[in-house]
PDB file of N, CA and C in Angstrom:
ATOM      1  N   MET A   1       2.971   2.346-248.099  1.00  0.00           N
ATOM      2  CA  MET A   1       2.799   3.497-247.322  1.00  0.00           C
ATOM      3  C   MET A   1       3.932   4.228-247.837  1.00  0.00           C
ATOM      4  N   GLU A   2       5.002   3.850-247.916  1.00  0.00           N
ATOM      5  CA  GLU A   2       5.964   4.997-248.409  1.00  0.00           C
ATOM      6  C   GLU A   2       5.798   5.490-249.583  1.00  0.00           C
ATOM      7  N   LYS A   3       5.118   5.756-250.213  1.00  0.00           N
ATOM      8  CA  LYS A   3       4.916   6.113-251.697  1.00  0.00           C
ATOM      9  C   LYS A   3       3.734   7.001-250.990  1.00  0.00           C
ATOM     10  N   GLY A   4       2.938   6.796-249.818  1.00  0.00           N
ATOM     11  CA  GLY A   4       2.359   8.436-249.625  1.00  0.00           C
ATOM     12  C   GLY A   4       3.034   9.183-248.860  1.00  0.00           C
ATOM     13  N   ILE A   5       4.140   8.569-248.088  1.00  0.00           N
ATOM     14  CA  ILE A   5       5.133   9.616-247.150  1.00  0.00           C
ATOM     15  C   ILE A   5       5.870  10.383-248.229  1.00  0.00           C
ATOM     16  N   LYS A   6       6.206   9.891-249.653  1.00  0.00           N
ATOM     17  CA  LYS A   6       6.780   9.901-250.877  1.00  0.00           C
ATOM     18  C   LYS A   6       5.989  11.427-251.437  1.00  0.00           C
ATOM     19  N   LYS A   7       4.644  11.421-251.420  1.00  0.00           N
ATOM     20  CA  LYS A   7       3.551  12.267-251.240  1.00  0.00           C
ATOM     21  C   LYS A   7       3.667  13.604-251.402  1.00  0.00           C
ATOM     22  N   ILE A   8       3.520  13.690-249.642  1.00  0.00           N
ATOM     23  CA  ILE A   8       3.701  14.275-248.591  1.00  0.00           C
ATOM     24  C   ILE A   8       4.679  15.125-248.185  1.00  0.00           C
ATOM     25  N   GLU A   9       5.872  14.639-248.917  1.00  0.00           N
ATOM     26  CA  GLU A   9       7.507  15.331-248.403  1.00  0.00           C
ATOM     27  C   GLU A   9       6.778  15.914-250.086  1.00  0.00           C
ATOM     28  N   LYS A  10       7.269  15.903-250.998  1.00  0.00           N
ATOM     29  CA  LYS A  10       7.119  16.573-252.412  1.00  0.00           C
ATOM     30  C   LYS A  10       5.299  17.810-252.423  1.00  0.00           C
ATOM     31  N   ASP A  11       4.294  16.893-251.321  1.00  0.00           N
ATOM     32  CA  ASP A  11       3.846  18.516-251.407  1.00  0.00           C
ATOM     33  C   ASP A  11       4.213  19.497-250.509  1.00  0.00           C
ATOM     34  N   LEU A  12       5.181  19.135-249.299  1.00  0.00           N
ATOM     35  CA  LEU A  12       5.509  20.268-248.299  1.00  0.00           C
ATOM     36  C   LEU A  12       6.585  20.787-248.746  1.00  0.00           C
ATOM     37  N   LEU A  13       7.586  20.110-249.525  1.00  0.00           N
ATOM     38  CA  LEU A  13       8.636  20.889-249.969  1.00  0.00           C
ATOM     39  C   LEU A  13       8.625  21.571-250.912  1.00  0.00           C
ATOM     40  N   ALA A  14       7.230  21.891-251.848  1.00  0.00           N
ATOM     41  CA  ALA A  14       6.807  22.777-252.833  1.00  0.00           C
ATOM     42  C   ALA A  14       6.242  23.740-251.996  1.00  0.00           C
ATOM     43  N   ARG A  15       5.480  23.850-250.783  1.00  0.00           N
ATOM     44  CA  ARG A  15       4.496  24.756-250.069  1.00  0.00           C
ATOM     45  C   ARG A  15       5.714  25.298-249.655  1.00  0.00           C
ATOM     46  N   HIS A  16       6.617  24.957-249.058  1.00  0.00           N
ATOM     47  CA  HIS A  16       7.688  25.833-247.888  1.00  0.00           C
ATOM     48  C   HIS A  16       9.258  26.225-248.723  1.00  0.00           C
ATOM     49  N   ALA A  17       9.109  25.754-249.936  1.00  0.00           N
ATOM     50  CA  ALA A  17      10.410  26.010-250.857  1.00  0.00           C
ATOM     51  C   ALA A  17      11.151  27.121-250.076  1.00  0.00           C
ATOM     52  N   ASP A  18      10.692  28.084-250.139  1.00  0.00           N
ATOM     53  CA  ASP A  18      11.448  29.299-249.799  1.00  0.00           C
ATOM     54  C   ASP A  18      11.410  29.571-248.463  1.00  0.00           C
ATOM     55  N   ASP A  19      11.544  28.730-247.381  1.00  0.00           N
ATOM     56  CA  ASP A  19      11.141  29.035-245.912  1.00  0.00           C
ATOM     57  C   ASP A  19      12.161  28.138-245.076  1.00  0.00           C
ATOM     58  N   PRO A  20      13.629  28.397-245.520  1.00  0.00           N
ATOM     59  CA  PRO A  20      14.733  27.423-245.078  1.00  0.00           C
ATOM     60  C   PRO A  20      14.430  26.734-243.664  1.00  0.00           C
ATOM     61  N   ILE A  21      14.414  27.329-242.384  1.00  0.00           N
ATOM     62  CA  ILE A  21      13.710  26.789-241.550  1.00  0.00           C
ATOM     63  C   ILE A  21      12.122  25.883-241.563  1.00  0.00           C
ATOM     64  N   LYS A  22      11.354  26.434-242.570  1.00  0.00           N
ATOM     65  CA  LYS A  22      10.429  25.139-242.436  1.00  0.00           C
ATOM     66  C   LYS A  22      11.460  24.311-243.417  1.00  0.00           C
ATOM     67  N   LEU A  23      12.120  23.865-244.469  1.00  0.00           N
ATOM     68  CA  LEU A  23      12.169  22.875-244.932  1.00  0.00           C
ATOM     69  C   LEU A  23      12.932  21.873-244.016  1.00  0.00           C
ATOM     70  N   SER A  24      13.662  22.663-242.740  1.00  0.00           N
ATOM     71  CA  SER A  24      14.270  21.590-242.587  1.00  0.00           C
ATOM     72  C   SER A  24      13.537  21.018-240.853  1.00  0.00           C
ATOM     73  N   LYS A  25      11.870  21.595-240.724  1.00  0.00           N
ATOM     74  CA  LYS A  25      11.149  21.038-240.279  1.00  0.00           C
ATOM     75  C   LYS A  25      10.364  19.790-241.084  1.00  0.00           C
ATOM     76  N   VAL A  26      10.446  19.815-242.247  1.00  0.00           N
ATOM     77  CA  VAL A  26       9.361  19.304-243.475  1.00  0.00           C
ATOM     78  C   VAL A  26      10.663  17.940-243.252  1.00  0.00           C
ATOM     79  N   HIS A  27      12.187  18.015-243.382  1.00  0.00           N
ATOM     80  CA  HIS A  27      13.005  16.967-243.186  1.00  0.00           C
ATOM     81  C   HIS A  27      12.645  16.239-241.797  1.00  0.00           C
ATOM     82  N   ARG A  28      12.860  17.437-241.216  1.00  0.00           N
ATOM     83  CA  ARG A  28      12.042  16.323-239.347  1.00  0.00           C
ATOM     84  C   ARG A  28      10.748  15.349-239.408  1.00  0.00           C
ATOM     85  N   TYR A  29      10.324  15.891-240.149  1.00  0.00           N
ATOM     86  CA  TYR A  29       8.530  15.687-239.991  1.00  0.00           C
ATOM     87  C   TYR A  29       8.870  14.081-241.289  1.00  0.00           C
ATOM     88  N   ILE A  30       9.225  14.437-242.124  1.00  0.00           N
ATOM     89  CA  ILE A  30       9.427  13.156-243.012  1.00  0.00           C
ATOM     90  C   ILE A  30      10.291  12.151-242.474  1.00  0.00           C
ATOM     91  N   ARG A  31      11.411  12.419-241.500  1.00  0.00           N
ATOM     92  CA  ARG A  31      12.246  11.550-241.006  1.00  0.00           C
ATOM     93  C   ARG A  31      11.094  10.621-239.709  1.00  0.00           C
ATOM     94  N   PHE A  32      10.482  11.541-238.917  1.00  0.00           N
ATOM     95  CA  PHE A  32       9.947  11.065-238.003  1.00  0.00           C
ATOM     96  C   PHE A  32       8.694   9.987-238.601  1.00  0.00           C
ATOM     97  N   LEU A  33       7.808  10.307-239.552  1.00  0.00           N
ATOM     98  CA  LEU A  33       6.973   9.908-240.314  1.00  0.00           C
ATOM     99  C   LEU A  33       7.642   7.725-240.574  1.00  0.00           C
ATOM    100  N   LYS A  34       8.886   8.101-241.351  1.00  0.00           N
ATOM    101  CA  LYS A  34       9.383   6.654-241.359  1.00  0.00           C
ATOM    102  C   LYS A  34       9.723   6.178-240.031  1.00  0.00           C
ATOM    103  N   ILE A  35      10.397   6.803-239.261  1.00  0.00           N
ATOM    104  CA  ILE A  35      10.882   5.941-237.899  1.00  0.00           C
ATOM    105  C   ILE A  35       9.482   5.477-237.197  1.00  0.00           C
ATOM    106  N   ASP A  36       8.187   6.156-237.696  1.00  0.00           N
ATOM    107  CA  ASP A  36       6.854   5.747-237.028  1.00  0.00           C
ATOM    108  C   ASP A  36       6.727   4.419-237.931  1.00  0.00           C
ATOM    109  N   LEU A  37       6.416   4.683-238.741  1.00  0.00           N
ATOM    110  CA  LEU A  37       6.448   3.164-239.919  1.00  0.00           C
ATOM    111  C   LEU A  37       6.853   2.121-239.790  1.00  0.00           C
ATOM    112  N   SER A  38       8.364   2.380-239.515  1.00  0.00           N
ATOM    113  CA  SER A  38       9.206   1.313-239.341  1.00  0.00           C
ATOM    114  C   SER A  38       8.766   0.695-237.752  1.00  0.00           C
ATOM    115  N   CYS A  39       8.835   1.547-237.204  1.00  0.00           N
ATOM    116  CA  CYS A  39       7.857   0.992-235.498  1.00  0.00           C
ATOM    117  C   CYS A  39       6.735   0.125-235.441  1.00  0.00           C
ATOM    118  N   ASP A  40       5.723   0.546-236.829  1.00  0.00           N
ATOM    119  CA  ASP A  40       4.654  -0.179-237.019  1.00  0.00           C
ATOM    120  C   ASP A  40       4.773  -1.761-237.660  1.00  0.00           C
ATOM    121  N   THR A  41       5.937  -1.791-238.854  1.00  0.00           N
ATOM    122  CA  THR A  41       6.074  -2.995-238.931  1.00  0.00           C
ATOM    123  C   THR A  41       7.048  -3.990-237.859  1.00  0.00           C
ATOM    124  N   ASP A  42       7.923  -3.104-237.150  1.00  0.00           N
ATOM    125  CA  ASP A  42       8.318  -4.101-236.364  1.00  0.00           C
ATOM    126  C   ASP A  42       7.381  -4.731-235.072  1.00  0.00           C
ATOM    127  N   ILE A  43       6.615  -3.935-235.176  1.00  0.00           N
ATOM    128  CA  ILE A  43       5.014  -4.122-233.936  1.00  0.00           C
ATOM    129  C   ILE A  43       4.311  -5.271-235.162  1.00  0.00           C
ATOM    130  N   ASP A  44       3.769  -4.976-236.125  1.00  0.00           N
ATOM    131  CA  ASP A  44       3.525  -6.195-236.493  1.00  0.00           C
ATOM    132  C   ASP A  44       3.904  -7.238-236.633  1.00  0.00           C
ATOM    133  N   LYS A  45       5.102  -7.721-236.891  1.00  0.00           N
ATOM    134  CA  LYS A  45       6.045  -8.590-237.112  1.00  0.00           C
ATOM    135  C   LYS A  45       6.083  -9.276-235.557  1.00  0.00           C
ATOM    136  N   ASP A  46       7.001  -8.497-234.539  1.00  0.00           N
ATOM    137  CA  ASP A  46       6.977  -8.872-233.547  1.00  0.00           C
ATOM    138  C   ASP A  46       5.763  -8.961-232.238  1.00  0.00           C
ATOM    139  N   GLY A  47       4.571  -8.608-232.437  1.00  0.00           N
ATOM    140  CA  GLY A  47       3.967  -8.037-231.673  1.00  0.00           C
ATOM    141  C   GLY A  47       3.609  -7.377-230.754  1.00  0.00           C
ATOM    142  N   THR A  48       3.066  -6.844-229.680  1.00  0.00           N
ATOM    143  CA  THR A  48       3.127  -5.743-229.160  1.00  0.00           C
ATOM    144  C   THR A  48       4.030  -5.990-227.782  1.00  0.00           C
ATOM    145  N   THR A  49       4.088  -7.363-227.558  1.00  0.00           N
ATOM    146  CA  THR A  49       5.308  -7.839-226.301  1.00  0.00           C
ATOM    147  C   THR A  49       5.971  -9.121-226.866  1.00  0.00           C
ATOM    148  N   ILE A  50       7.538  -8.650-226.076  1.00  0.00           N
ATOM    149  CA  ILE A  50       8.601  -9.380-226.536  1.00  0.00           C
ATOM    150  C   ILE A  50       8.495 -10.346-225.079  1.00  0.00           C
ATOM    151  N   LYS A  51       9.244 -11.473-225.940  1.00  0.00           N
ATOM    152  CA  LYS A  51       9.756 -12.624-224.284  1.00  0.00           C
ATOM    153  C   LYS A  51      11.253 -12.782-223.835  1.00  0.00           C
ATOM    154  N   ILE A  52      11.856 -12.104-222.686  1.00  0.00           N
ATOM    155  CA  ILE A  52      13.197 -11.891-222.432  1.00  0.00           C
ATOM    156  C   ILE A  52      13.091 -12.866-222.118  1.00  0.00           C
ATOM    157  N   GLU A  53      14.366 -13.312-222.145  1.00  0.00           N
ATOM    158  CA  GLU A  53      14.935 -14.880-221.244  1.00  0.00           C
ATOM    159  C   GLU A  53      16.745 -13.990-221.043  1.00  0.00           C
ATOM    160  N   ASN A  54      16.516 -14.094-219.546  1.00  0.00           N
ATOM    161  CA  ASN A  54      17.819 -13.966-218.681  1.00  0.00           C
ATOM    162  C   ASN A  54      17.894 -14.968-218.038  1.00  0.00           C
ATOM    163  N   GLY A  55      19.079 -15.964-218.198  1.00  0.00           N
ATOM    164  CA  GLY A  55      19.246 -17.477-217.847  1.00  0.00           C
ATOM    165  C   GLY A  55      18.015 -18.356-217.242  1.00  0.00           C
ATOM    166  N   THR A  56      17.397 -18.302-216.434  1.00  0.00           N
ATOM    167  CA  THR A  56      16.343 -18.847-215.865  1.00  0.00           C
ATOM    168  C   THR A  56      15.029 -18.389-215.642  1.00  0.00           C
ATOM    169  N   GLN A  57      15.026 -17.168-216.304  1.00  0.00           N
ATOM    170  CA  GLN A  57      14.050 -15.985-216.195  1.00  0.00           C
ATOM    171  C   GLN A  57      13.541 -15.940-217.265  1.00  0.00           C
ATOM    172  N   ASN A  58      12.326 -15.652-217.438  1.00  0.00           N
ATOM    173  CA  ASN A  58      11.451 -15.979-218.696  1.00  0.00           C
ATOM    174  C   ASN A  58      10.481 -14.618-218.592  1.00  0.00           C
ATOM    175  N   PHE A  59       9.850 -13.760-219.060  1.00  0.00           N
ATOM    176  CA  PHE A  59       9.394 -12.776-218.542  1.00  0.00           C
ATOM    177  C   PHE A  59       8.924 -11.890-220.190  1.00  0.00           C
ATOM    178  N   LEU A  60       7.512 -11.310-219.984  1.00  0.00           N
ATOM    179  CA  LEU A  60       7.062 -10.454-221.225  1.00  0.00           C
ATOM    180  C   LEU A  60       7.360  -9.207-220.933  1.00  0.00           C
ATOM    181  N   LYS A  61       7.540  -8.438-222.036  1.00  0.00           N
ATOM    182  CA  LYS A  61       7.673  -7.065-222.095  1.00  0.00           C
ATOM    183  C   LYS A  61       7.165  -5.951-222.862  1.00  0.00           C
ATOM    184  N   GLN A  62       7.464  -5.119-222.755  1.00  0.00           N
ATOM    185  CA  GLN A  62       5.867  -4.366-223.534  1.00  0.00           C
ATOM    186  C   GLN A  62       7.652  -4.118-225.034  1.00  0.00           C
ATOM    187  N   HIS A  63       6.908  -4.406-226.310  1.00  0.00           N
ATOM    188  CA  HIS A  63       7.637  -3.851-227.408  1.00  0.00           C
ATOM    189  C   HIS A  63       8.546  -2.109-227.208  1.00  0.00           C
ATOM    190  N   PRO A  64       9.479  -2.593-227.312  1.00  0.00           N
ATOM    191  CA  PRO A  64      10.216  -1.460-227.582  1.00  0.00           C
ATOM    192  C   PRO A  64      10.000   0.132-228.522  1.00  0.00           C
ATOM    193  N   ALA A  65       9.484  -0.345-229.635  1.00  0.00           N
ATOM    194  CA  ALA A  65       9.097   0.226-230.635  1.00  0.00           C
ATOM    195  C   ALA A  65       7.463   1.268-230.236  1.00  0.00           C
ATOM    196  N   ILE A  66       6.605   0.673-228.927  1.00  0.00           N
ATOM    197  CA  ILE A  66       5.801   1.266-228.787  1.00  0.00           C
ATOM    198  C   ILE A  66       6.219   2.644-227.997  1.00  0.00           C
ATOM    199  N   ALA A  67       7.164   2.655-227.278  1.00  0.00           N
ATOM    200  CA  ALA A  67       7.616   3.674-226.825  1.00  0.00           C
ATOM    201  C   ALA A  67       8.164   4.709-227.496  1.00  0.00           C
ATOM    202  N   THR A  68       8.974   3.919-228.528  1.00  0.00           N
ATOM    203  CA  THR A  68       9.341   4.904-229.545  1.00  0.00           C
ATOM    204  C   THR A  68       8.602   5.927-230.339  1.00  0.00           C
ATOM    205  N   LYS A  69       7.416   5.212-230.769  1.00  0.00           N
ATOM    206  CA  LYS A  69       6.220   5.477-230.955  1.00  0.00           C
ATOM    207  C   LYS A  69       5.134   6.882-230.357  1.00  0.00           C
ATOM    208  N   LEU A  70       5.052   6.145-229.139  1.00  0.00           N
ATOM    209  CA  LEU A  70       4.720   7.388-228.110  1.00  0.00           C
ATOM    210  C   LEU A  70       5.309   8.867-228.043  1.00  0.00           C
ATOM    211  N   SER A  71       6.764   8.549-228.070  1.00  0.00           N
ATOM    212  CA  SER A  71       7.341   9.723-227.795  1.00  0.00           C
ATOM    213  C   SER A  71       8.051  10.456-229.420  1.00  0.00           C
ATOM    214  N   ILE A  72       7.809   9.569-230.273  1.00  0.00           N
ATOM    215  CA  ILE A  72       7.981  11.006-231.952  1.00  0.00           C
ATOM    216  C   ILE A  72       6.455  11.125-231.940  1.00  0.00           C
ATOM    217  N   SER A  73       5.057  10.591-231.496  1.00  0.00           N
ATOM    218  CA  SER A  73       3.723  10.619-231.947  1.00  0.00           C
ATOM    219  C   SER A  73       3.425  12.419-231.200  1.00  0.00           C
ATOM    220  N   LYS A  74       4.341  12.641-230.780  1.00  0.00           N
ATOM    221  CA  LYS A  74       3.973  14.453-230.239  1.00  0.00           C
ATOM    222  C   LYS A  74       5.351  15.521-230.656  1.00  0.00           C
ATOM    223  N   GLU A  75       6.197  14.826-231.301  1.00  0.00           N
ATOM    224  CA  GLU A  75       6.885  15.371-232.022  1.00  0.00           C
ATOM    225  C   GLU A  75       6.434  15.717-233.189  1.00  0.00           C
ATOM    226  N   ILE A  76       5.886  14.600-233.802  1.00  0.00           N
ATOM    227  CA  ILE A  76       4.691  15.131-235.494  1.00  0.00           C
ATOM    228  C   ILE A  76       3.536  16.066-235.240  1.00  0.00           C
ATOM    229  N   GLU A  77       3.454  15.771-233.683  1.00  0.00           N
ATOM    230  CA  GLU A  77       1.945  16.896-233.988  1.00  0.00           C
ATOM    231  C   GLU A  77       2.317  18.185-233.686  1.00  0.00           C
ATOM    232  N   LYS A  78       3.606  18.313-232.989  1.00  0.00           N
ATOM    233  CA  LYS A  78       4.478  19.644-233.059  1.00  0.00           C
ATOM    234  C   LYS A  78       4.895  20.359-234.445  1.00  0.00           C
ATOM    235  N   LEU A  79       5.006  19.445-234.877  1.00  0.00           N
ATOM    236  CA  LEU A  79       5.938  20.065-236.598  1.00  0.00           C
ATOM    237  C   LEU A  79       4.629  20.304-237.105  1.00  0.00           C
ATOM    238  N   GLU A  80       3.660  19.167-237.360  1.00  0.00           N
ATOM    239  CA  GLU A  80       2.430  19.673-237.938  1.00  0.00           C
ATOM    240  C   GLU A  80       1.276  20.870-237.896  1.00  0.00           C
ATOM    241  N   ASP A  81       1.778  21.000-236.333  1.00  0.00           N
ATOM    242  CA  ASP A  81       0.966  22.398-236.206  1.00  0.00           C
ATOM    243  C   ASP A  81       2.116  23.764-236.496  1.00  0.00           C
ATOM    244  N   ALA A  82       3.188  23.367-236.901  1.00  0.00           N
ATOM    245  CA  ALA A  82       4.678  24.442-237.029  1.00  0.00           C
ATOM    246  C   ALA A  82       4.311  24.261-238.824  1.00  0.00           C
ATOM    247  N   LEU A  83       4.255  23.186-239.571  1.00  0.00           N
ATOM    248  CA  LEU A  83       3.884  23.034-241.003  1.00  0.00           C
ATOM    249  C   LEU A  83       2.491  23.643-241.317  1.00  0.00           C
ATOM    250  N   GLY A  84       1.344  23.909-240.072  1.00  0.00           N
ATOM    251  CA  GLY A  84       0.097  24.138-241.154  1.00  0.00           C
ATOM    252  C   GLY A  84      -0.418  23.028-241.807  1.00  0.00           C
ATOM    253  N   ILE A  85      -0.103  21.637-241.194  1.00  0.00           N
ATOM    254  CA  ILE A  85      -0.831  20.533-241.385  1.00  0.00           C
ATOM    255  C   ILE A  85      -2.416  20.312-240.917  1.00  0.00           C
ATOM    256  N   LYS A  86      -3.049  19.943-241.419  1.00  0.00           N
ATOM    257  CA  LYS A  86      -4.509  19.767-240.426  1.00  0.00           C
ATOM    258  C   LYS A  86      -4.640  18.204-240.676  1.00  0.00           C
ATOM    259  N   ILE A  87      -4.787  17.478-239.909  1.00  0.00           N
ATOM    260  CA  ILE A  87      -5.525  15.953-239.848  1.00  0.00           C
ATOM    261  C   ILE A  87      -6.547  16.085-239.390  1.00  0.00           C
ATOM    262  N   GLU A  88      -7.425  15.827-241.108  1.00  0.00           N
ATOM    263  CA  GLU A  88      -9.049  15.438-240.708  1.00  0.00           C
ATOM    264  C   GLU A  88      -9.375  14.276-240.361  1.00  0.00           C
ATOM    265  N   SER A  89      -9.852  13.989-239.055  1.00  0.00           N
ATOM    266  CA  SER A  89     -10.955  13.048-238.521  1.00  0.00           C
ATOM    267  C   SER A  89     -12.044  13.262-238.680  1.00  0.00           C
ATOM    268  N   GLU A  90     -12.684  11.803-238.595  1.00  0.00           N
ATOM    269  CA  GLU A  90     -14.455  11.861-238.645  1.00  0.00           C
ATOM    270  C   GLU A  90     -14.658  11.871-237.465  1.00  0.00           C
ATOM    271  N   PRO A  91     -15.860  12.662-237.510  1.00  0.00           N
ATOM    272  CA  PRO A  91     -16.651  13.143-236.101  1.00  0.00           C
ATOM    273  C   PRO A  91     -17.168  11.509-235.085  1.00  0.00           C
ATOM    274  N   ALA A  92     -16.605  11.617-234.273  1.00  0.00           N
ATOM    275  CA  ALA A  92     -17.026  10.228-233.357  1.00  0.00           C
ATOM    276  C   ALA A  92     -18.324  10.291-233.156  1.00  0.00           C
ATOM    277  N   ALA A  93     -19.450   9.403-233.745  1.00  0.00           N
ATOM    278  CA  ALA A  93     -20.321   8.692-233.548  1.00  0.00           C
ATOM    279  C   ALA A  93     -20.948   8.463-232.055  1.00  0.00           C
ATOM    280  N   THR A  94     -21.916   9.483-231.133  1.00  0.00           N
ATOM    281  CA  THR A  94     -21.908   9.789-230.155  1.00  0.00           C
ATOM    282  C   THR A  94     -23.592   8.993-230.002  1.00  0.00           C
ATOM    283  N   ALA A  95     -23.962   8.189-228.963  1.00  0.00           N
ATOM    284  CA  ALA A  95     -25.194   7.851-228.698  1.00  0.00           C
ATOM    285  C   ALA A  95     -25.720   8.946-228.102  1.00  0.00           C
ATOM    286  N   PRO A  96     -27.572   8.998-227.982  1.00  0.00           N
ATOM    287  CA  PRO A  96     -27.977   9.152-227.224  1.00  0.00           C
ATOM    288  C   PRO A  96     -27.790   9.488-226.002  1.00  0.00           C
ATOM    289  N   SER A  97     -28.223  10.274-225.004  1.00  0.00           N
ATOM    290  CA  SER A  97     -27.203  10.122-223.376  1.00  0.00           C
ATOM    291  C   SER A  97     -28.721  10.924-222.826  1.00  0.00           C
ATOM    292  N   THR A  98     -29.927  11.146-223.344  1.00  0.00           N
ATOM    293  CA  THR A  98     -30.985  11.913-222.986  1.00  0.00           C
ATOM    294  C   THR A  98     -32.171  11.098-223.008  1.00  0.00           C
ATOM    295  N   VAL A  99     -33.231  10.778-222.544  1.00  0.00           N
ATOM    296  CA  VAL A  99     -34.405  10.113-222.662  1.00  0.00           C
ATOM    297  C   VAL A  99     -34.756  11.443-222.034  1.00  0.00           C
ATOM    298  N   GLU A 100     -36.508  11.531-223.215  1.00  0.00           N
ATOM    299  CA  GLU A 100     -37.551  12.743-222.910  1.00  0.00           C
ATOM    300  C   GLU A 100     -38.486  11.644-222.111  1.00  0.00           C
ATOM    301  N   ASP A 101     -39.166  12.118-220.946  1.00  0.00           N
ATOM    302  CA  ASP A 101     -40.555  11.834-220.380  1.00  0.00           C
ATOM    303  C   ASP A 101     -40.836  13.290-219.946  1.00  0.00           C
ATOM    304  N   LYS A 102     -42.437  13.062-220.554  1.00  0.00           N
ATOM    305  CA  LYS A 102     -43.002  14.287-220.432  1.00  0.00           C
ATOM    306  C   LYS A 102     -42.720  15.251-221.028  1.00  0.00           C
ATOM    307  N   GLY A 103     -41.803  15.722-221.921  1.00  0.00           N
ATOM    308  CA  GLY A 103     -41.494  16.628-222.384  1.00  0.00           C
ATOM    309  C   GLY A 103     -40.023  17.271-221.837  1.00  0.00           C
ATOM    310  N   ARG A 104     -39.609  16.750-220.575  1.00  0.00           N
ATOM    311  CA  ARG A 104     -38.180  16.518-220.001  1.00  0.00           C
ATOM    312  C   ARG A 104     -37.317  15.830-220.419  1.00  0.00           C
ATOM    313  N   THR A 105     -35.915  16.350-220.097  1.00  0.00           N
ATOM    314  CA  THR A 105     -35.078  15.510-220.504  1.00  0.00           C
ATOM    315  C   THR A 105     -34.356  15.181-219.133  1.00  0.00           C
ATOM    316  N   SER A 106     -33.842  13.885-219.358  1.00  0.00           N
ATOM    317  CA  SER A 106     -32.837  13.520-218.327  1.00  0.00           C
ATOM    318  C   SER A 106     -31.609  12.497-218.488  1.00  0.00           C
ATOM    319  N   LEU A 107     -30.587  12.915-217.670  1.00  0.00           N
ATOM    320  CA  LEU A 107     -29.502  11.746-217.660  1.00  0.00           C
ATOM    321  C   LEU A 107     -30.054  10.789-217.163  1.00  0.00           C
ATOM    322  N   ILE A 108     -29.530   9.191-218.003  1.00  0.00           N
ATOM    323  CA  ILE A 108     -30.050   7.669-216.809  1.00  0.00           C
ATOM    324  C   ILE A 108     -28.717   7.396-217.163  1.00  0.00           C
TER     325      ILE A 108
END
């Protein structure tokens, strides 16, 4: 994935080479992508929960990387908007929600 980030960085730097403000946003965007990738690696390695041992107490807690991913995902979206990056997503498959009955449709 690191190669993908390098390609994105190269493309964005070329696209915004003449605007110092956007260059700063490009660098922040790439930094956030690397942090996000690092969080993914940590979550894959440790799982979504971690075991905490405090003396005789043991309990499970959400992996701290999940909270980090959630907080930086908002920043990534803002930077994508500011840089004019459009993320193409596949249209969601929808199930038919109506049933035809004598030429009428009704929700069931």
